C-alpha cells in the first residue's frame, strides 16, 4: 500500500512550509468549514530493514520525549508517530519538529507523509464523521480522505473530498488531481 506514495524527495524546508500552512488555516477550518481539529496528528514512516532498530532510535530521540510522542507500528510495518494538542497550530509545529529531527538523524528518506484528522458534523448522515488531510512526501501536497462505513467496506465520500479540496486550496497546498488522492485504510487512531 505504501508504495503508492513513492519515496520522499522534497526537502524539509518545503515540508515545513506545507505543514505550517495547515496550522495557519486553523481559524478558517474551524469557523468557515465548521470542522474541528481532532486533537492529534501523525507522521508516517515506511518500514526499513533494521528489524526494529529504527523504531527504537525514534523512541529514544530527545525531541520525541519532549513532545510526548506516541508510537505505533501497523500491520504493514510502517511507523506512526503521534502528537497531541487541542490546537491545530501546535500539532503542525510538533510535526514540523519531528520532520526536522528525522532529517538531522538521516531518517528523512523513510517519511511517507503526515496525517491531520478532523471531526465534522454531517447533517445528512446525522452524525460526526472523521475527515483527514494527508500530506504526501512524494508530491508535497495535501490530499483529502473521508472514509465512510466500516473499515472493511473501504468506501469513501468522494464528493465530500472534492468539496474539501476546493474549499482549502487557497489556504494549503492541495493536489487537484484526484488520481493522487490515496486512501489509508485501517488508520490507527488516538481517541
N, C-alpha and C. Protein backbone atom coordinates (compact mmCIF):
# COMPACT_ATOMS: atom_id res chain seq x y z
N UNK A 1 0.83 -1.19 0.00
CA UNK A 1 0.00 0.00 0.00
C UNK A 1 0.87 1.26 0.00
N UNK A 2 1.94 1.27 0.78
CA UNK A 2 2.72 2.49 0.90
C UNK A 2 3.52 2.80 -0.36
N UNK A 3 3.73 1.82 -1.23
CA UNK A 3 4.45 2.10 -2.46
C UNK A 3 3.73 3.14 -3.31
N UNK A 4 2.44 3.29 -3.10
CA UNK A 4 1.69 4.31 -3.83
C UNK A 4 2.24 5.70 -3.57
N UNK A 5 2.81 5.91 -2.40
CA UNK A 5 3.29 7.22 -2.03
C UNK A 5 4.67 7.51 -2.60
N UNK A 6 5.39 6.49 -3.02
CA UNK A 6 6.72 6.69 -3.56
C UNK A 6 7.69 7.14 -2.50
N UNK A 7 8.89 7.46 -2.92
CA UNK A 7 9.91 7.91 -1.97
C UNK A 7 9.85 9.42 -1.85
N UNK A 8 10.03 9.89 -0.63
CA UNK A 8 10.02 11.33 -0.40
C UNK A 8 11.25 11.98 -1.02
N UNK A 9 11.04 12.98 -1.86
CA UNK A 9 12.17 13.65 -2.49
C UNK A 9 12.14 15.15 -2.21
N UNK A 10 11.23 15.59 -1.39
CA UNK A 10 11.08 17.01 -1.08
C UNK A 10 11.92 17.33 0.14
N UNK A 11 12.59 18.49 0.12
CA UNK A 11 13.40 18.83 1.28
C UNK A 11 12.52 19.30 2.43
N UNK A 12 13.10 19.31 3.63
CA UNK A 12 12.29 19.58 4.82
C UNK A 12 11.80 21.02 4.89
N UNK A 13 12.51 21.98 4.28
CA UNK A 13 12.01 23.36 4.32
C UNK A 13 10.70 23.47 3.54
N UNK A 14 10.59 22.75 2.43
CA UNK A 14 9.32 22.73 1.69
C UNK A 14 8.24 22.06 2.53
N UNK A 15 8.63 20.99 3.20
CA UNK A 15 7.68 20.28 4.06
C UNK A 15 7.20 21.17 5.17
N UNK A 16 8.12 21.86 5.82
CA UNK A 16 7.73 22.72 6.93
C UNK A 16 6.81 23.83 6.47
N UNK A 17 7.04 24.35 5.28
CA UNK A 17 6.15 25.38 4.73
C UNK A 17 4.74 24.82 4.55
N UNK A 18 4.64 23.62 4.01
CA UNK A 18 3.33 22.99 3.81
C UNK A 18 2.65 22.70 5.14
N UNK A 19 3.41 22.18 6.09
CA UNK A 19 2.85 21.86 7.40
C UNK A 19 2.40 23.13 8.13
N UNK A 20 3.22 24.18 8.05
CA UNK A 20 2.85 25.44 8.70
C UNK A 20 1.57 26.01 8.11
N UNK A 21 1.35 25.81 6.81
CA UNK A 21 0.13 26.32 6.19
C UNK A 21 -1.11 25.68 6.81
N UNK A 22 -1.00 24.42 7.20
CA UNK A 22 -2.14 23.76 7.86
C UNK A 22 -2.43 24.44 9.19
N UNK A 23 -1.40 24.71 9.96
CA UNK A 23 -1.59 25.39 11.24
C UNK A 23 -2.18 26.77 11.09
N UNK A 24 -1.75 27.49 10.06
CA UNK A 24 -2.25 28.85 9.82
C UNK A 24 -3.70 28.85 9.35
N UNK A 25 -4.16 27.75 8.80
CA UNK A 25 -5.54 27.66 8.30
C UNK A 25 -6.54 27.28 9.39
N UNK A 26 -6.08 27.13 10.62
CA UNK A 26 -6.95 26.66 11.71
C UNK A 26 -8.23 27.48 11.86
N UNK A 27 -8.12 28.80 11.88
CA UNK A 27 -9.31 29.64 12.08
C UNK A 27 -10.33 29.43 10.96
N UNK A 28 -9.85 29.37 9.73
CA UNK A 28 -10.74 29.16 8.58
C UNK A 28 -11.41 27.79 8.67
N UNK A 29 -10.63 26.78 8.96
CA UNK A 29 -11.16 25.41 9.04
C UNK A 29 -12.25 25.31 10.09
N UNK A 30 -11.99 25.88 11.26
CA UNK A 30 -12.94 25.74 12.36
C UNK A 30 -14.16 26.65 12.22
N UNK A 31 -13.98 27.88 11.74
CA UNK A 31 -15.13 28.79 11.68
C UNK A 31 -15.91 28.66 10.38
N UNK A 32 -15.24 28.69 9.26
CA UNK A 32 -15.93 28.66 7.97
C UNK A 32 -16.36 27.27 7.55
N UNK A 33 -15.54 26.28 7.82
CA UNK A 33 -15.87 24.91 7.40
C UNK A 33 -16.53 24.10 8.51
N UNK A 34 -16.64 24.72 9.70
CA UNK A 34 -17.27 24.06 10.85
C UNK A 34 -16.70 22.67 11.10
N UNK A 35 -15.38 22.60 11.01
CA UNK A 35 -14.65 21.35 11.19
C UNK A 35 -13.70 21.53 12.36
N UNK A 36 -13.63 20.53 13.22
CA UNK A 36 -12.84 20.64 14.44
C UNK A 36 -11.61 19.75 14.37
N UNK A 37 -10.48 20.30 14.78
CA UNK A 37 -9.24 19.54 14.91
C UNK A 37 -9.49 18.37 15.86
N UNK A 38 -9.05 17.19 15.51
CA UNK A 38 -9.28 16.00 16.34
C UNK A 38 -8.44 15.98 17.60
N UNK A 39 -7.41 16.82 17.67
CA UNK A 39 -6.55 16.85 18.84
C UNK A 39 -5.27 16.05 18.70
N UNK A 40 -5.03 15.49 17.53
CA UNK A 40 -3.76 14.79 17.30
C UNK A 40 -3.40 14.84 15.82
N UNK A 41 -2.15 14.52 15.53
CA UNK A 41 -1.65 14.42 14.16
C UNK A 41 -0.58 13.34 14.17
N UNK A 42 -0.19 12.90 12.99
CA UNK A 42 0.81 11.82 12.92
C UNK A 42 1.73 11.99 11.73
N UNK A 43 2.97 11.55 11.91
CA UNK A 43 3.92 11.38 10.81
C UNK A 43 4.00 9.88 10.56
N UNK A 44 4.10 9.50 9.29
CA UNK A 44 4.15 8.08 8.93
C UNK A 44 5.48 7.81 8.25
N UNK A 45 6.16 6.77 8.72
CA UNK A 45 7.43 6.37 8.13
C UNK A 45 7.33 4.95 7.61
N UNK A 46 7.97 4.71 6.47
CA UNK A 46 7.96 3.36 5.90
C UNK A 46 8.87 2.47 6.73
N UNK A 47 8.58 1.19 6.68
CA UNK A 47 9.43 0.23 7.38
C UNK A 47 10.78 0.15 6.68
N UNK A 48 11.76 -0.30 7.41
CA UNK A 48 13.08 -0.49 6.82
C UNK A 48 13.60 -1.87 7.20
N UNK A 49 14.81 -2.15 6.86
CA UNK A 49 15.37 -3.48 7.08
C UNK A 49 16.13 -3.60 8.40
N UNK A 50 15.96 -2.65 9.30
CA UNK A 50 16.73 -2.66 10.55
C UNK A 50 16.08 -3.45 11.68
N UNK A 51 15.06 -4.23 11.39
CA UNK A 51 14.44 -5.12 12.38
C UNK A 51 14.13 -4.46 13.71
N UNK A 52 13.45 -3.35 13.67
CA UNK A 52 13.04 -2.69 14.91
C UNK A 52 14.03 -1.68 15.44
N UNK A 53 15.23 -1.64 14.89
CA UNK A 53 16.23 -0.68 15.37
C UNK A 53 15.78 0.76 15.12
N UNK A 54 15.14 1.00 13.98
CA UNK A 54 14.68 2.35 13.66
C UNK A 54 13.64 2.84 14.66
N UNK A 55 12.69 1.97 15.01
CA UNK A 55 11.67 2.35 15.98
C UNK A 55 12.31 2.67 17.33
N UNK A 56 13.28 1.88 17.73
CA UNK A 56 13.98 2.13 18.99
C UNK A 56 14.72 3.47 18.92
N UNK A 57 15.36 3.75 17.79
CA UNK A 57 16.05 5.02 17.60
C UNK A 57 15.07 6.19 17.70
N UNK A 58 13.92 6.06 17.05
CA UNK A 58 12.91 7.11 17.10
C UNK A 58 12.45 7.38 18.52
N UNK A 59 12.16 6.33 19.24
CA UNK A 59 11.65 6.48 20.61
C UNK A 59 12.66 7.13 21.54
N UNK A 60 13.95 6.95 21.25
CA UNK A 60 15.00 7.50 22.11
C UNK A 60 15.42 8.92 21.75
N UNK A 61 14.87 9.47 20.69
CA UNK A 61 15.21 10.84 20.31
C UNK A 61 14.69 11.81 21.35
N UNK A 62 15.52 12.78 21.68
CA UNK A 62 15.17 13.77 22.70
C UNK A 62 13.88 14.51 22.34
N UNK A 63 13.75 14.92 21.08
CA UNK A 63 12.57 15.69 20.68
C UNK A 63 11.29 14.87 20.83
N UNK A 64 11.37 13.57 20.60
CA UNK A 64 10.18 12.73 20.74
C UNK A 64 9.72 12.69 22.20
N UNK A 65 10.69 12.64 23.09
CA UNK A 65 10.36 12.64 24.52
C UNK A 65 9.79 13.99 24.94
N UNK A 66 10.39 15.07 24.44
CA UNK A 66 9.91 16.41 24.78
C UNK A 66 8.49 16.66 24.27
N UNK A 67 8.17 16.09 23.12
CA UNK A 67 6.84 16.25 22.54
C UNK A 67 5.84 15.25 23.09
N UNK A 68 6.32 14.33 23.93
CA UNK A 68 5.48 13.25 24.46
C UNK A 68 4.81 12.49 23.32
N UNK A 69 5.61 12.17 22.30
CA UNK A 69 5.11 11.46 21.13
C UNK A 69 4.75 10.02 21.47
N UNK A 70 3.72 9.52 20.80
CA UNK A 70 3.30 8.12 20.92
C UNK A 70 3.67 7.41 19.63
N UNK A 71 3.97 6.13 19.74
CA UNK A 71 4.41 5.36 18.58
C UNK A 71 3.51 4.16 18.36
N UNK A 72 3.35 3.82 17.07
CA UNK A 72 2.53 2.67 16.71
C UNK A 72 3.14 2.06 15.45
N UNK A 73 3.25 0.74 15.44
CA UNK A 73 3.68 0.04 14.23
C UNK A 73 2.47 -0.69 13.68
N UNK A 74 2.11 -0.40 12.43
CA UNK A 74 0.91 -1.01 11.86
C UNK A 74 1.20 -2.38 11.26
N UNK A 75 0.18 -3.01 10.71
CA UNK A 75 0.30 -4.36 10.16
C UNK A 75 1.28 -4.45 8.99
N UNK A 76 1.54 -3.33 8.34
CA UNK A 76 2.47 -3.32 7.21
C UNK A 76 3.90 -3.00 7.62
N UNK A 77 4.10 -2.77 8.93
CA UNK A 77 5.43 -2.45 9.42
C UNK A 77 5.77 -0.97 9.35
N UNK A 78 4.81 -0.13 8.97
CA UNK A 78 5.04 1.31 8.95
C UNK A 78 4.96 1.86 10.37
N UNK A 79 5.75 2.90 10.62
CA UNK A 79 5.78 3.52 11.94
C UNK A 79 4.94 4.79 11.93
N UNK A 80 4.10 4.92 12.93
CA UNK A 80 3.27 6.11 13.11
C UNK A 80 3.77 6.83 14.35
N UNK A 81 4.05 8.12 14.22
CA UNK A 81 4.48 8.95 15.35
C UNK A 81 3.36 9.96 15.59
N UNK A 82 2.69 9.82 16.73
CA UNK A 82 1.55 10.68 17.06
C UNK A 82 1.95 11.79 18.02
N UNK A 83 1.38 12.96 17.80
CA UNK A 83 1.49 14.08 18.75
C UNK A 83 0.07 14.54 19.07
N UNK A 84 -0.08 15.10 20.26
CA UNK A 84 -1.41 15.54 20.72
C UNK A 84 -1.38 17.00 21.14
N UNK A 85 -2.41 17.72 20.72
CA UNK A 85 -2.66 19.07 21.21
C UNK A 85 -4.05 19.48 20.74
N UNK A 86 -4.73 20.27 21.54
CA UNK A 86 -6.07 20.71 21.14
C UNK A 86 -6.01 21.73 20.02
N UNK A 87 -4.86 22.39 19.85
CA UNK A 87 -4.70 23.39 18.81
C UNK A 87 -4.01 22.79 17.59
N UNK A 88 -4.60 23.00 16.44
CA UNK A 88 -4.03 22.51 15.19
C UNK A 88 -2.64 23.12 14.95
N UNK A 89 -2.50 24.40 15.24
CA UNK A 89 -1.21 25.07 15.03
C UNK A 89 -0.10 24.39 15.84
N UNK A 90 -0.41 23.97 17.05
CA UNK A 90 0.58 23.28 17.88
C UNK A 90 0.91 21.91 17.30
N UNK A 91 -0.10 21.18 16.84
CA UNK A 91 0.16 19.88 16.22
C UNK A 91 1.01 20.04 14.97
N UNK A 92 0.74 21.08 14.18
CA UNK A 92 1.54 21.35 12.98
C UNK A 92 2.98 21.63 13.36
N UNK A 93 3.18 22.44 14.39
CA UNK A 93 4.54 22.76 14.84
C UNK A 93 5.27 21.51 15.33
N UNK A 94 4.56 20.68 16.07
CA UNK A 94 5.18 19.45 16.58
C UNK A 94 5.58 18.51 15.45
N UNK A 95 4.71 18.37 14.45
CA UNK A 95 5.05 17.53 13.30
C UNK A 95 6.26 18.12 12.58
N UNK A 96 6.33 19.44 12.46
CA UNK A 96 7.49 20.09 11.85
C UNK A 96 8.77 19.79 12.60
N UNK A 97 8.72 19.78 13.93
CA UNK A 97 9.90 19.43 14.73
C UNK A 97 10.32 17.98 14.50
N UNK A 98 9.35 17.10 14.39
CA UNK A 98 9.66 15.69 14.13
C UNK A 98 10.35 15.54 12.78
N UNK A 99 9.85 16.22 11.77
CA UNK A 99 10.45 16.12 10.44
C UNK A 99 11.87 16.68 10.45
N UNK A 100 12.08 17.78 11.15
CA UNK A 100 13.44 18.33 11.28
C UNK A 100 14.36 17.31 11.94
N UNK A 101 13.88 16.66 12.98
CA UNK A 101 14.69 15.65 13.68
C UNK A 101 14.97 14.45 12.77
N UNK A 102 13.99 14.04 11.98
CA UNK A 102 14.21 12.93 11.04
C UNK A 102 15.31 13.29 10.05
N UNK A 103 15.29 14.52 9.58
CA UNK A 103 16.31 14.95 8.63
C UNK A 103 17.70 14.96 9.28
N UNK A 104 17.80 15.50 10.47
CA UNK A 104 19.11 15.57 11.13
C UNK A 104 19.61 14.20 11.58
N UNK A 105 18.72 13.23 11.69
CA UNK A 105 19.10 11.87 12.09
C UNK A 105 19.22 10.93 10.89
N UNK A 106 19.18 11.48 9.70
CA UNK A 106 19.31 10.70 8.46
C UNK A 106 18.21 9.64 8.32
N UNK A 107 17.01 9.96 8.81
CA UNK A 107 15.86 9.06 8.66
C UNK A 107 14.77 9.68 7.79
N UNK A 108 15.05 10.85 7.26
CA UNK A 108 14.06 11.59 6.47
C UNK A 108 13.58 10.80 5.26
N UNK A 109 14.45 9.98 4.69
CA UNK A 109 14.10 9.20 3.49
C UNK A 109 12.98 8.19 3.77
N UNK A 110 12.71 7.90 5.05
CA UNK A 110 11.65 6.96 5.40
C UNK A 110 10.27 7.62 5.47
N UNK A 111 10.23 8.94 5.41
CA UNK A 111 8.97 9.66 5.58
C UNK A 111 8.01 9.40 4.42
N UNK A 112 6.83 8.92 4.75
CA UNK A 112 5.76 8.70 3.77
C UNK A 112 4.87 9.93 3.69
N UNK A 113 4.49 10.43 4.85
CA UNK A 113 3.60 11.58 4.88
C UNK A 113 3.18 11.91 6.29
N UNK A 114 2.26 12.85 6.39
CA UNK A 114 1.69 13.23 7.67
C UNK A 114 0.17 13.21 7.54
N UNK A 115 -0.49 13.03 8.67
CA UNK A 115 -1.95 12.95 8.67
C UNK A 115 -2.49 13.91 9.72
N UNK A 116 -3.47 14.71 9.29
CA UNK A 116 -4.17 15.63 10.19
C UNK A 116 -5.65 15.27 10.17
N UNK A 117 -6.16 14.63 11.23
CA UNK A 117 -7.58 14.26 11.28
C UNK A 117 -8.45 15.40 11.84
N UNK A 118 -9.67 15.45 11.35
CA UNK A 118 -10.65 16.45 11.79
C UNK A 118 -12.00 15.77 11.99
N UNK A 119 -12.85 16.40 12.79
CA UNK A 119 -14.20 15.92 13.00
C UNK A 119 -15.18 16.95 12.44
N UNK A 120 -16.18 16.46 11.74
CA UNK A 120 -17.17 17.32 11.09
C UNK A 120 -18.54 16.69 11.28
N UNK A 121 -19.53 17.53 11.64
CA UNK A 121 -20.88 17.01 11.79
C UNK A 121 -21.56 17.00 10.43
N UNK A 122 -21.90 15.81 9.98
CA UNK A 122 -22.58 15.62 8.69
C UNK A 122 -24.08 15.63 8.94
N UNK A 123 -24.74 16.72 8.56
CA UNK A 123 -26.18 16.85 8.82
C UNK A 123 -26.99 15.85 8.01
N UNK A 124 -26.49 15.40 6.88
CA UNK A 124 -27.22 14.41 6.07
C UNK A 124 -27.20 13.05 6.77
N UNK A 125 -26.04 12.65 7.26
CA UNK A 125 -25.93 11.37 7.97
C UNK A 125 -26.39 11.48 9.42
N UNK A 126 -26.46 12.71 9.92
CA UNK A 126 -26.89 12.93 11.30
C UNK A 126 -25.88 12.50 12.34
N UNK A 127 -24.59 12.55 11.98
CA UNK A 127 -23.55 12.16 12.93
C UNK A 127 -22.22 12.83 12.57
N UNK A 128 -21.33 12.81 13.53
CA UNK A 128 -19.99 13.33 13.31
C UNK A 128 -19.16 12.30 12.56
N UNK A 129 -18.40 12.77 11.59
CA UNK A 129 -17.53 11.86 10.84
C UNK A 129 -16.09 12.39 10.89
N UNK A 130 -15.16 11.50 10.69
CA UNK A 130 -13.74 11.85 10.70
C UNK A 130 -13.28 12.11 9.27
N UNK A 131 -12.65 13.27 9.08
CA UNK A 131 -12.06 13.68 7.81
C UNK A 131 -10.55 13.71 7.99
N UNK A 132 -9.82 13.50 6.92
CA UNK A 132 -8.36 13.52 7.01
C UNK A 132 -7.77 14.39 5.91
N UNK A 133 -6.71 15.09 6.27
CA UNK A 133 -5.83 15.71 5.29
C UNK A 133 -4.51 14.98 5.40
N UNK A 134 -4.05 14.43 4.27
CA UNK A 134 -2.81 13.66 4.21
C UNK A 134 -1.81 14.47 3.39
N UNK A 135 -0.67 14.80 3.99
CA UNK A 135 0.41 15.48 3.27
C UNK A 135 1.36 14.40 2.78
N UNK A 136 1.39 14.20 1.48
CA UNK A 136 2.20 13.12 0.89
C UNK A 136 3.62 13.60 0.59
N UNK A 137 4.60 12.81 0.99
CA UNK A 137 6.00 13.16 0.77
C UNK A 137 6.33 13.25 -0.72
N UNK A 138 5.77 12.37 -1.49
CA UNK A 138 6.11 12.29 -2.91
C UNK A 138 5.74 13.56 -3.68
N UNK A 139 4.64 14.18 -3.32
CA UNK A 139 4.17 15.35 -4.07
C UNK A 139 4.16 16.63 -3.23
N UNK A 140 4.41 16.52 -1.94
CA UNK A 140 4.41 17.66 -1.02
C UNK A 140 3.12 18.48 -1.13
N UNK A 141 2.01 17.78 -1.21
CA UNK A 141 0.70 18.42 -1.24
C UNK A 141 -0.26 17.63 -0.38
N UNK A 142 -1.27 18.34 0.10
CA UNK A 142 -2.32 17.71 0.90
C UNK A 142 -3.37 17.10 -0.01
N UNK A 143 -3.85 15.93 0.41
CA UNK A 143 -4.97 15.29 -0.28
C UNK A 143 -6.02 14.92 0.77
N UNK A 144 -7.31 15.05 0.43
CA UNK A 144 -8.37 14.73 1.38
C UNK A 144 -8.69 13.24 1.38
N UNK A 145 -9.17 12.78 2.51
CA UNK A 145 -9.63 11.39 2.62
C UNK A 145 -10.78 11.35 3.61
N UNK A 146 -11.94 10.82 3.16
CA UNK A 146 -13.12 10.70 4.01
C UNK A 146 -13.65 9.28 3.91
N UNK A 147 -13.21 8.39 4.81
CA UNK A 147 -13.77 7.03 4.80
C UNK A 147 -15.17 7.04 5.39
N UNK A 148 -16.04 6.22 4.83
CA UNK A 148 -17.41 6.08 5.35
C UNK A 148 -17.72 4.60 5.50
N UNK A 149 -18.62 4.29 6.41
CA UNK A 149 -18.97 2.89 6.65
C UNK A 149 -17.90 2.21 7.48
N UNK A 150 -17.94 0.90 7.50
CA UNK A 150 -16.96 0.14 8.28
C UNK A 150 -15.63 0.08 7.52
N UNK A 151 -14.51 -0.11 8.24
CA UNK A 151 -13.21 -0.20 7.57
C UNK A 151 -13.14 -1.31 6.52
N UNK A 152 -13.90 -2.38 6.75
CA UNK A 152 -13.89 -3.49 5.79
C UNK A 152 -14.55 -3.11 4.46
N UNK A 153 -15.50 -2.16 4.51
CA UNK A 153 -16.20 -1.75 3.29
C UNK A 153 -15.30 -0.98 2.33
N UNK A 154 -14.32 -0.28 2.89
CA UNK A 154 -13.40 0.54 2.10
C UNK A 154 -14.14 1.47 1.14
N UNK A 155 -15.09 2.21 1.72
CA UNK A 155 -15.85 3.20 0.96
C UNK A 155 -15.39 4.59 1.37
N UNK A 156 -15.44 5.50 0.44
CA UNK A 156 -15.06 6.88 0.75
C UNK A 156 -16.07 7.83 0.13
N UNK A 157 -16.19 9.00 0.73
CA UNK A 157 -17.12 10.02 0.25
C UNK A 157 -16.36 10.94 -0.70
N UNK A 158 -16.29 10.55 -1.95
CA UNK A 158 -15.51 11.32 -2.93
C UNK A 158 -16.10 12.69 -3.23
N UNK A 159 -17.43 12.87 -3.26
CA UNK A 159 -17.95 14.23 -3.45
C UNK A 159 -17.53 15.17 -2.31
N UNK A 160 -17.54 14.68 -1.08
CA UNK A 160 -17.10 15.50 0.04
C UNK A 160 -15.60 15.78 -0.06
N UNK A 161 -14.82 14.80 -0.46
CA UNK A 161 -13.38 15.02 -0.64
C UNK A 161 -13.13 16.12 -1.67
N UNK A 162 -13.89 16.12 -2.74
CA UNK A 162 -13.75 17.14 -3.78
C UNK A 162 -14.10 18.52 -3.23
N UNK A 163 -15.17 18.60 -2.45
CA UNK A 163 -15.55 19.88 -1.83
C UNK A 163 -14.47 20.35 -0.85
N UNK A 164 -13.88 19.41 -0.10
CA UNK A 164 -12.81 19.76 0.83
C UNK A 164 -11.63 20.38 0.08
N UNK A 165 -11.22 19.74 -1.00
CA UNK A 165 -10.06 20.24 -1.75
C UNK A 165 -10.34 21.64 -2.29
N UNK A 166 -11.52 21.84 -2.86
CA UNK A 166 -11.86 23.15 -3.42
C UNK A 166 -11.91 24.23 -2.33
N UNK A 167 -12.43 23.88 -1.16
CA UNK A 167 -12.55 24.84 -0.07
C UNK A 167 -11.20 25.23 0.52
N UNK A 168 -10.23 24.32 0.46
CA UNK A 168 -8.94 24.56 1.13
C UNK A 168 -7.81 24.99 0.21
N UNK A 169 -7.98 24.95 -1.08
CA UNK A 169 -6.84 25.18 -1.98
C UNK A 169 -6.21 26.56 -1.86
N UNK A 170 -6.94 27.54 -1.33
CA UNK A 170 -6.36 28.87 -1.11
C UNK A 170 -5.52 28.93 0.16
N UNK A 171 -5.67 27.94 1.03
CA UNK A 171 -5.06 28.00 2.35
C UNK A 171 -3.91 27.02 2.56
N UNK A 172 -3.97 25.89 1.90
CA UNK A 172 -2.92 24.88 2.00
C UNK A 172 -2.61 24.37 0.59
N UNK A 173 -1.40 23.86 0.35
CA UNK A 173 -1.11 23.30 -0.97
C UNK A 173 -1.85 21.97 -1.15
N UNK A 174 -2.83 21.96 -2.04
CA UNK A 174 -3.62 20.75 -2.27
C UNK A 174 -3.33 20.18 -3.65
N UNK A 175 -3.54 18.90 -3.79
CA UNK A 175 -3.40 18.23 -5.09
C UNK A 175 -4.79 18.17 -5.72
N UNK A 176 -4.92 18.77 -6.90
CA UNK A 176 -6.22 18.80 -7.58
C UNK A 176 -6.52 17.50 -8.32
N UNK A 177 -5.49 16.77 -8.72
CA UNK A 177 -5.65 15.54 -9.49
C UNK A 177 -6.14 14.42 -8.57
N UNK A 178 -7.40 14.01 -8.72
CA UNK A 178 -7.98 13.01 -7.81
C UNK A 178 -7.29 11.65 -7.90
N UNK A 179 -6.59 11.38 -8.99
CA UNK A 179 -5.88 10.09 -9.08
C UNK A 179 -4.72 10.02 -8.08
N UNK A 180 -4.33 11.15 -7.50
CA UNK A 180 -3.27 11.19 -6.48
C UNK A 180 -3.83 11.08 -5.06
N UNK A 181 -5.14 11.02 -4.91
CA UNK A 181 -5.76 11.01 -3.59
C UNK A 181 -5.82 9.58 -3.07
N UNK A 182 -4.75 9.12 -2.47
CA UNK A 182 -4.69 7.74 -1.98
C UNK A 182 -5.28 7.63 -0.58
N UNK A 183 -6.08 6.62 -0.36
CA UNK A 183 -6.64 6.38 0.98
C UNK A 183 -5.64 5.65 1.87
N UNK A 184 -5.82 5.78 3.14
CA UNK A 184 -5.06 4.97 4.10
C UNK A 184 -6.10 4.23 4.93
N UNK A 185 -6.40 3.01 4.54
CA UNK A 185 -7.40 2.20 5.24
C UNK A 185 -6.81 1.64 6.52
N UNK A 186 -7.64 1.55 7.54
CA UNK A 186 -7.20 0.98 8.82
C UNK A 186 -6.23 1.88 9.56
N UNK A 187 -6.39 3.16 9.40
CA UNK A 187 -5.51 4.12 10.04
C UNK A 187 -5.64 4.04 11.56
N UNK A 188 -4.54 3.96 12.29
CA UNK A 188 -4.65 3.94 13.75
C UNK A 188 -5.16 5.29 14.26
N UNK A 189 -5.86 5.26 15.37
CA UNK A 189 -6.43 6.47 15.96
C UNK A 189 -5.96 6.59 17.41
N UNK A 190 -6.03 7.78 17.94
CA UNK A 190 -5.65 8.02 19.34
C UNK A 190 -6.83 8.35 20.22
N UNK A 191 -8.05 8.28 19.73
CA UNK A 191 -9.22 8.67 20.52
C UNK A 191 -9.31 7.89 21.80
